Each structure stands twice: as C-alpha cells, then as structure tokens.
Amino acid sequence: ALGERGVCVVSGLALGVDAAAHEGALEAGGTTVGVLGCGIDGVYPRSNRGLFGLVREAGGLVSEYGLGEPPLRWRFPARNRVISGLSGCVVVVEAPEKSGSLITARHATDAGRDVWALPGPVGFDECRGSNKLLADGAGVLWDVDEFADSVAPPAQEPLGPAAGGVVEPAETSAAAGLPEHERAALMGVGFEPTGVDTIAGRSGIGMQQLLSALALLELKGYVRRDAGGSFVRSPVGRAGG
C-alpha cells in the first residue's frame, strides 16, 4: 500500500521483517533503501545477496562505514539511528524487550517523528517490546489502509511555483527522470534555503511522502540540507553523477 503511494521504505536488510519490508516495496514497484551495518560493498547476511542487488537498483544502499568494513555487532544498533533519520515515521512490527527496533523507535521519538507498532499477543515474549511501545503511546497499526492514509495521503494537485519562481526548462529536464513524488518535491525546493512547510505548500504532496522524497533527493544529490534543517537545490543535474 505504501509503495504504491510513492513512499520510500527504509529498513536494515536483515532477515525476517526487514527483508519482508524491502520485498513488499519491490513487489509494489516502489522505492526502498537499505541501511547497512558494514561497508556498502559487503553483504550481510549472505543469504540476502539477491535482495541486496534489487534494493540497490530500486533505491539505494546507505552506510556510515567505509568500503571493506566488516559487519561488527556493535554497528547494527548504531545504524538504527540512520534508519530513523531517513524515515518520516517508524513502524515496529514485532520486537522483544531488547530488540534493535526499539533503538530505532527511541531515536524517532527523540527527533519528534511518529512511531507505530503492530499489536501482538499479550505475554508473547517476541512482542513484549512492541506492545510496550503501544502502552507508551505509539500509534496502533491495526488497519493497513488507514495507516497508509495517515502517513501518505493521496497527493493533491501541485500548487505550482511560488511567486516569482518560474520553472526554467533546464530545471524541468533535471527532474524528468525522477518518480512523480520526487519530481514534485524537487520543484518545491528553491536555490535559497527552503523550509519543509514551504516545500509542502509548493509541491502539494503529503508530509510523510514529502519527507521520504526529500531524503531520496538528498541521497541522489539533487538537494542538500543546511545546518538549520532547510533544503537547498543543488546545481541542475545530479551532483554525484
């Protein structure tokens, strides 16, 4: 449901729920990004090698670590901060009390992002952490369509460029190869620092969808984020080539 609405699914390319999240986005023809606990030239777990390639083509792989860096245990909780930072909201499907997903949820809460959790059987150890999130006020993910409407409402008609912001042909061509929601978000970013609320008004797309699009545009080099959290358009075309 989310992939069909242009929402980028960010996860850790681990076995189980992570892999299912990426696969669901791929099946919907959506965009998905994998955040690694090793260098981007590594594959861990090795059984996900095929999925790594598909995610790389459908969105990208992200890592704080250099090429050749191994998947050390302490790096996986650390990478959850990156997952949270790239996400407009965080969903915890099933988590025991010491799950790394709870680290991601904590980072999201600290950053003011929404956290959702799937209710699990009371007393079931594998759901004690996610059920505790619900008790602490996380959103209850009980219906997929309602959740999708909440985080990615159907796109409105774009309002067009801001006053005086005529879209030049060169700017249009720079965005021509992007998915529709990324293109709309890019058209809302100026060459001067532009706040997220302003971009939302210019692009006419929902906030959660916009945050996902801006994260992808930043990864692709179309925009950059300044110290104040505003976005600035990069020179026309991909900055990274």
Protein backbone atom coordinates (compact mmCIF):
# COMPACT_ATOMS: atom_id res chain seq x y z
CA ALA A 1 0.00 0.00 0.00
CA LEU A 2 2.81 2.43 0.84
CA GLY A 3 4.96 1.56 -2.17
CA GLU A 4 2.02 2.22 -4.47
CA ARG A 5 1.69 5.72 -2.98
CA GLY A 6 5.31 6.61 -3.66
CA VAL A 7 6.54 6.19 -0.09
CA CYS A 8 10.15 5.06 0.26
CA VAL A 9 10.53 2.11 2.64
CA VAL A 10 13.74 2.28 4.70
CA SER A 11 14.95 -0.78 6.60
CA GLY A 12 18.10 -2.68 7.58
CA LEU A 13 18.22 -5.55 5.06
CA ALA A 14 18.29 -8.10 7.88
CA LEU A 15 16.44 -11.40 7.87
CA GLY A 16 12.76 -11.53 8.78
CA VAL A 17 10.73 -8.32 8.99
CA ASP A 18 13.45 -6.17 7.38
CA ALA A 19 13.60 -8.39 4.31
CA ALA A 20 9.80 -8.56 4.13
CA ALA A 21 9.56 -4.75 4.21
CA HIS A 22 12.00 -4.39 1.31
CA GLU A 23 10.31 -7.17 -0.66
CA GLY A 24 6.89 -5.61 -0.19
CA ALA A 25 8.13 -2.29 -1.56
CA LEU A 26 9.76 -4.03 -4.52
CA GLU A 27 6.61 -6.03 -5.33
CA ALA A 28 4.61 -2.79 -5.38
CA GLY A 29 7.12 -1.20 -7.77
CA GLY A 30 8.10 1.26 -5.05
CA THR A 31 11.36 2.71 -3.77
CA THR A 32 13.28 1.16 -0.90
CA VAL A 33 16.59 1.96 0.81
CA GLY A 34 18.74 -0.45 2.83
CA VAL A 35 20.88 0.87 5.69
CA LEU A 36 23.86 -1.37 6.40
CA GLY A 37 25.98 -2.18 9.44
CA CYS A 38 29.02 -2.70 7.20
CA GLY A 39 30.54 -1.12 4.09
CA ILE A 40 28.24 -0.93 1.06
CA ASP A 41 30.47 -3.44 -0.73
CA GLY A 42 29.61 -6.08 1.87
CA VAL A 43 26.59 -8.38 2.00
CA TYR A 44 25.28 -9.38 5.41
CA PRO A 45 23.55 -11.71 5.89
CA ARG A 46 24.87 -13.51 2.81
CA SER A 47 21.53 -15.23 2.26
CA ASN A 48 20.12 -11.82 1.30
CA ARG A 49 22.60 -11.30 -1.55
CA GLY A 50 19.89 -11.28 -4.22
CA LEU A 51 17.77 -8.83 -2.22
CA PHE A 52 20.77 -6.50 -1.80
CA GLY A 53 21.05 -6.17 -5.57
CA LEU A 54 17.34 -5.47 -6.02
CA VAL A 55 17.29 -2.83 -3.27
CA ARG A 56 20.39 -1.16 -4.72
CA GLU A 57 18.61 -0.77 -8.06
CA ALA A 58 15.24 0.28 -6.60
CA GLY A 59 16.52 2.94 -4.22
CA GLY A 60 19.98 2.51 -2.81
CA LEU A 61 22.25 1.24 -0.07
CA VAL A 62 23.43 3.55 2.71
CA SER A 63 26.22 3.09 5.24
CA GLU A 64 28.26 5.21 7.62
CA TYR A 65 31.16 2.79 7.20
CA GLY A 66 33.87 2.69 4.56
CA LEU A 67 34.39 0.08 1.89
CA GLY A 68 35.59 -3.22 3.28
CA GLU A 69 34.38 -2.50 6.83
CA PRO A 70 33.04 -5.76 8.34
CA PRO A 71 29.59 -6.24 9.92
CA LEU A 72 30.61 -5.95 13.59
CA ARG A 73 27.87 -6.50 16.15
CA TRP A 74 28.00 -3.00 17.69
CA ARG A 75 27.45 -1.38 14.30
CA PHE A 76 23.90 -2.66 13.93
CA PRO A 77 22.38 -0.73 16.85
CA ALA A 78 24.32 2.31 15.61
CA ARG A 79 22.90 2.03 12.08
CA ASN A 80 19.37 2.18 13.53
CA ARG A 81 19.95 5.89 14.16
CA VAL A 82 20.45 6.33 10.40
CA ILE A 83 17.29 4.35 9.62
CA SER A 84 15.35 6.64 11.95
CA GLY A 85 16.93 9.77 10.49
CA LEU A 86 15.93 8.84 6.94
CA SER A 87 12.36 7.99 7.90
CA GLY A 88 9.29 10.18 8.20
CA CYS A 89 7.87 7.69 10.69
CA VAL A 90 8.97 4.37 12.19
CA VAL A 91 6.94 1.14 12.24
CA VAL A 92 7.78 -1.68 14.66
CA VAL A 93 6.12 -4.94 13.60
CA GLU A 94 7.36 -7.34 16.29
CA ALA A 95 10.01 -6.69 18.92
CA PRO A 96 11.14 -8.40 22.13
CA GLU A 97 12.26 -6.23 25.03
CA LYS A 98 15.87 -5.93 23.83
CA SER A 99 15.19 -5.60 20.10
CA GLY A 100 17.22 -3.20 17.98
CA SER A 101 13.92 -1.93 16.61
CA LEU A 102 13.31 -0.25 19.96
CA ILE A 103 16.54 1.71 19.47
CA THR A 104 15.19 2.94 16.13
CA ALA A 105 11.90 3.86 17.80
CA ARG A 106 13.69 5.76 20.56
CA HIS A 107 15.71 7.79 18.04
CA ALA A 108 12.49 8.56 16.16
CA THR A 109 10.74 9.74 19.32
CA ASP A 110 13.71 11.92 20.27
CA ALA A 111 13.55 13.51 16.81
CA GLY A 112 9.81 14.17 17.06
CA ARG A 113 8.85 11.56 14.47
CA ASP A 114 5.81 9.31 14.74
CA VAL A 115 6.23 5.72 15.95
CA TRP A 116 3.72 3.00 15.11
CA ALA A 117 3.56 -0.59 16.31
CA LEU A 118 1.62 -3.71 15.41
CA PRO A 119 -0.28 -5.18 18.40
CA GLY A 120 0.87 -8.67 19.38
CA PRO A 121 -0.39 -11.38 21.74
CA VAL A 122 -0.22 -10.38 25.40
CA GLY A 123 2.51 -12.33 27.21
CA PHE A 124 4.27 -13.38 23.98
CA ASP A 125 7.97 -12.63 24.52
CA GLU A 126 8.59 -11.68 20.88
CA CYS A 127 6.01 -8.88 21.19
CA ARG A 128 6.78 -7.52 24.65
CA GLY A 129 8.85 -4.63 23.29
CA SER A 130 6.39 -3.61 20.58
CA ASN A 131 3.42 -3.92 22.96
CA LYS A 132 5.28 -1.69 25.44
CA LEU A 133 5.59 0.93 22.70
CA LEU A 134 1.81 0.86 22.34
CA ALA A 135 1.39 1.23 26.09
CA ASP A 136 3.71 4.25 25.94
CA GLY A 137 1.60 5.95 23.27
CA ALA A 138 2.81 4.67 19.89
CA GLY A 139 0.29 4.65 17.06
CA VAL A 140 -1.68 1.41 16.74
CA LEU A 141 -1.23 -0.17 13.31
CA TRP A 142 -4.43 -2.19 13.11
CA ASP A 143 -5.55 -1.45 9.54
CA VAL A 144 -3.19 -1.14 6.57
CA ASP A 145 -5.36 1.25 4.55
CA GLU A 146 -5.96 3.56 7.49
CA PHE A 147 -2.25 3.60 8.26
CA ALA A 148 -1.43 4.36 4.61
CA ASP A 149 -3.94 7.23 4.61
CA SER A 150 -2.37 8.60 7.77
CA VAL A 151 1.27 8.59 6.64
CA ALA A 152 0.81 9.03 2.88
CA PRO A 153 -2.47 10.72 1.95
CA PRO A 154 -3.30 10.82 -1.77
CA ALA A 155 -1.33 13.56 -3.49
CA GLN A 156 -3.09 16.85 -4.14
CA GLU A 157 -2.71 18.85 -7.31
CA PRO A 158 0.58 20.78 -7.15
CA LEU A 159 0.14 24.47 -6.47
CA GLY A 160 2.85 25.36 -8.97
CA PRO A 161 5.95 27.51 -8.46
CA ALA A 162 5.93 30.14 -5.75
CA ALA A 163 5.52 33.76 -6.79
CA GLY A 164 8.47 34.73 -8.94
CA GLY A 165 9.65 31.12 -9.06
CA VAL A 166 9.31 30.35 -12.76
CA VAL A 167 10.44 26.82 -13.58
CA GLU A 168 13.09 27.05 -16.26
CA PRO A 169 13.34 24.34 -18.94
CA ALA A 170 16.74 23.27 -17.60
CA GLU A 171 15.25 22.72 -14.15
CA THR A 172 12.43 20.66 -15.60
CA SER A 173 14.83 18.44 -17.56
CA ALA A 174 16.91 17.83 -14.43
CA ALA A 175 13.88 16.26 -12.77
CA ALA A 176 12.49 14.49 -15.83
CA GLY A 177 13.79 11.05 -14.89
CA LEU A 178 12.57 11.15 -11.28
CA PRO A 179 9.44 9.45 -9.91
CA GLU A 180 6.45 11.80 -9.76
CA HIS A 181 6.56 12.42 -5.99
CA GLU A 182 10.30 13.16 -6.04
CA ARG A 183 9.86 15.48 -9.01
CA ALA A 184 7.09 17.38 -7.22
CA ALA A 185 9.23 17.71 -4.10
CA LEU A 186 12.24 18.91 -6.11
CA MET A 187 10.16 21.57 -7.82
CA GLY A 188 9.25 22.89 -4.37
CA VAL A 189 12.88 23.42 -3.31
CA GLY A 190 14.49 26.73 -4.13
CA PHE A 191 18.12 27.66 -4.67
CA GLU A 192 17.85 29.51 -1.37
CA PRO A 193 17.22 27.66 1.95
CA THR A 194 13.62 26.43 1.84
CA GLY A 195 11.74 25.09 4.87
CA VAL A 196 9.82 21.82 4.76
CA ASP A 197 6.46 23.55 5.27
CA THR A 198 7.14 25.81 2.30
CA ILE A 199 8.15 22.84 0.15
CA ALA A 200 4.96 21.03 1.18
CA GLY A 201 2.85 24.01 0.10
CA ARG A 202 4.60 24.31 -3.24
CA SER A 203 4.59 20.60 -4.06
CA GLY A 204 1.10 19.75 -2.85
CA ILE A 205 2.08 16.30 -1.56
CA GLY A 206 1.55 14.89 1.95
CA MET A 207 4.15 15.49 4.64
CA GLN A 208 5.22 11.87 5.17
CA GLN A 209 5.55 11.31 1.43
CA LEU A 210 7.45 14.59 1.14
CA LEU A 211 9.96 13.66 3.85
CA SER A 212 10.66 10.36 2.10
CA ALA A 213 11.09 12.13 -1.25
CA LEU A 214 13.46 14.74 0.22
CA ALA A 215 15.59 12.01 1.82
CA LEU A 216 15.94 10.30 -1.56
CA LEU A 217 16.67 13.56 -3.37
CA GLU A 218 19.41 14.28 -0.84
CA LEU A 219 20.91 10.82 -1.38
CA LYS A 220 20.83 11.35 -5.14
CA GLY A 221 22.50 14.75 -4.90
CA TYR A 222 19.58 16.88 -6.12
CA VAL A 223 19.23 18.79 -2.83
CA ARG A 224 21.25 19.34 0.31
CA ARG A 225 20.19 20.10 3.86
CA ASP A 226 21.71 23.06 5.69
CA ALA A 227 22.52 23.30 9.39
CA GLY A 228 19.09 24.78 10.12
CA GLY A 229 17.22 21.85 8.58
CA SER A 230 16.16 23.73 5.43
CA PHE A 231 16.73 22.31 1.95
CA VAL A 232 18.66 23.94 -0.89
CA ARG A 233 18.55 22.95 -4.54
CA SER A 234 21.85 21.64 -5.94
CA PRO A 235 23.03 22.81 -9.38
CA VAL A 236 20.89 21.39 -12.19
CA GLY A 237 21.52 17.69 -12.68
CA ARG A 238 22.90 15.14 -10.31
CA ALA A 239 25.65 16.44 -8.12
CA GLY A 240 27.13 13.00 -7.67
CA GLY A 241 26.94 11.93 -11.30
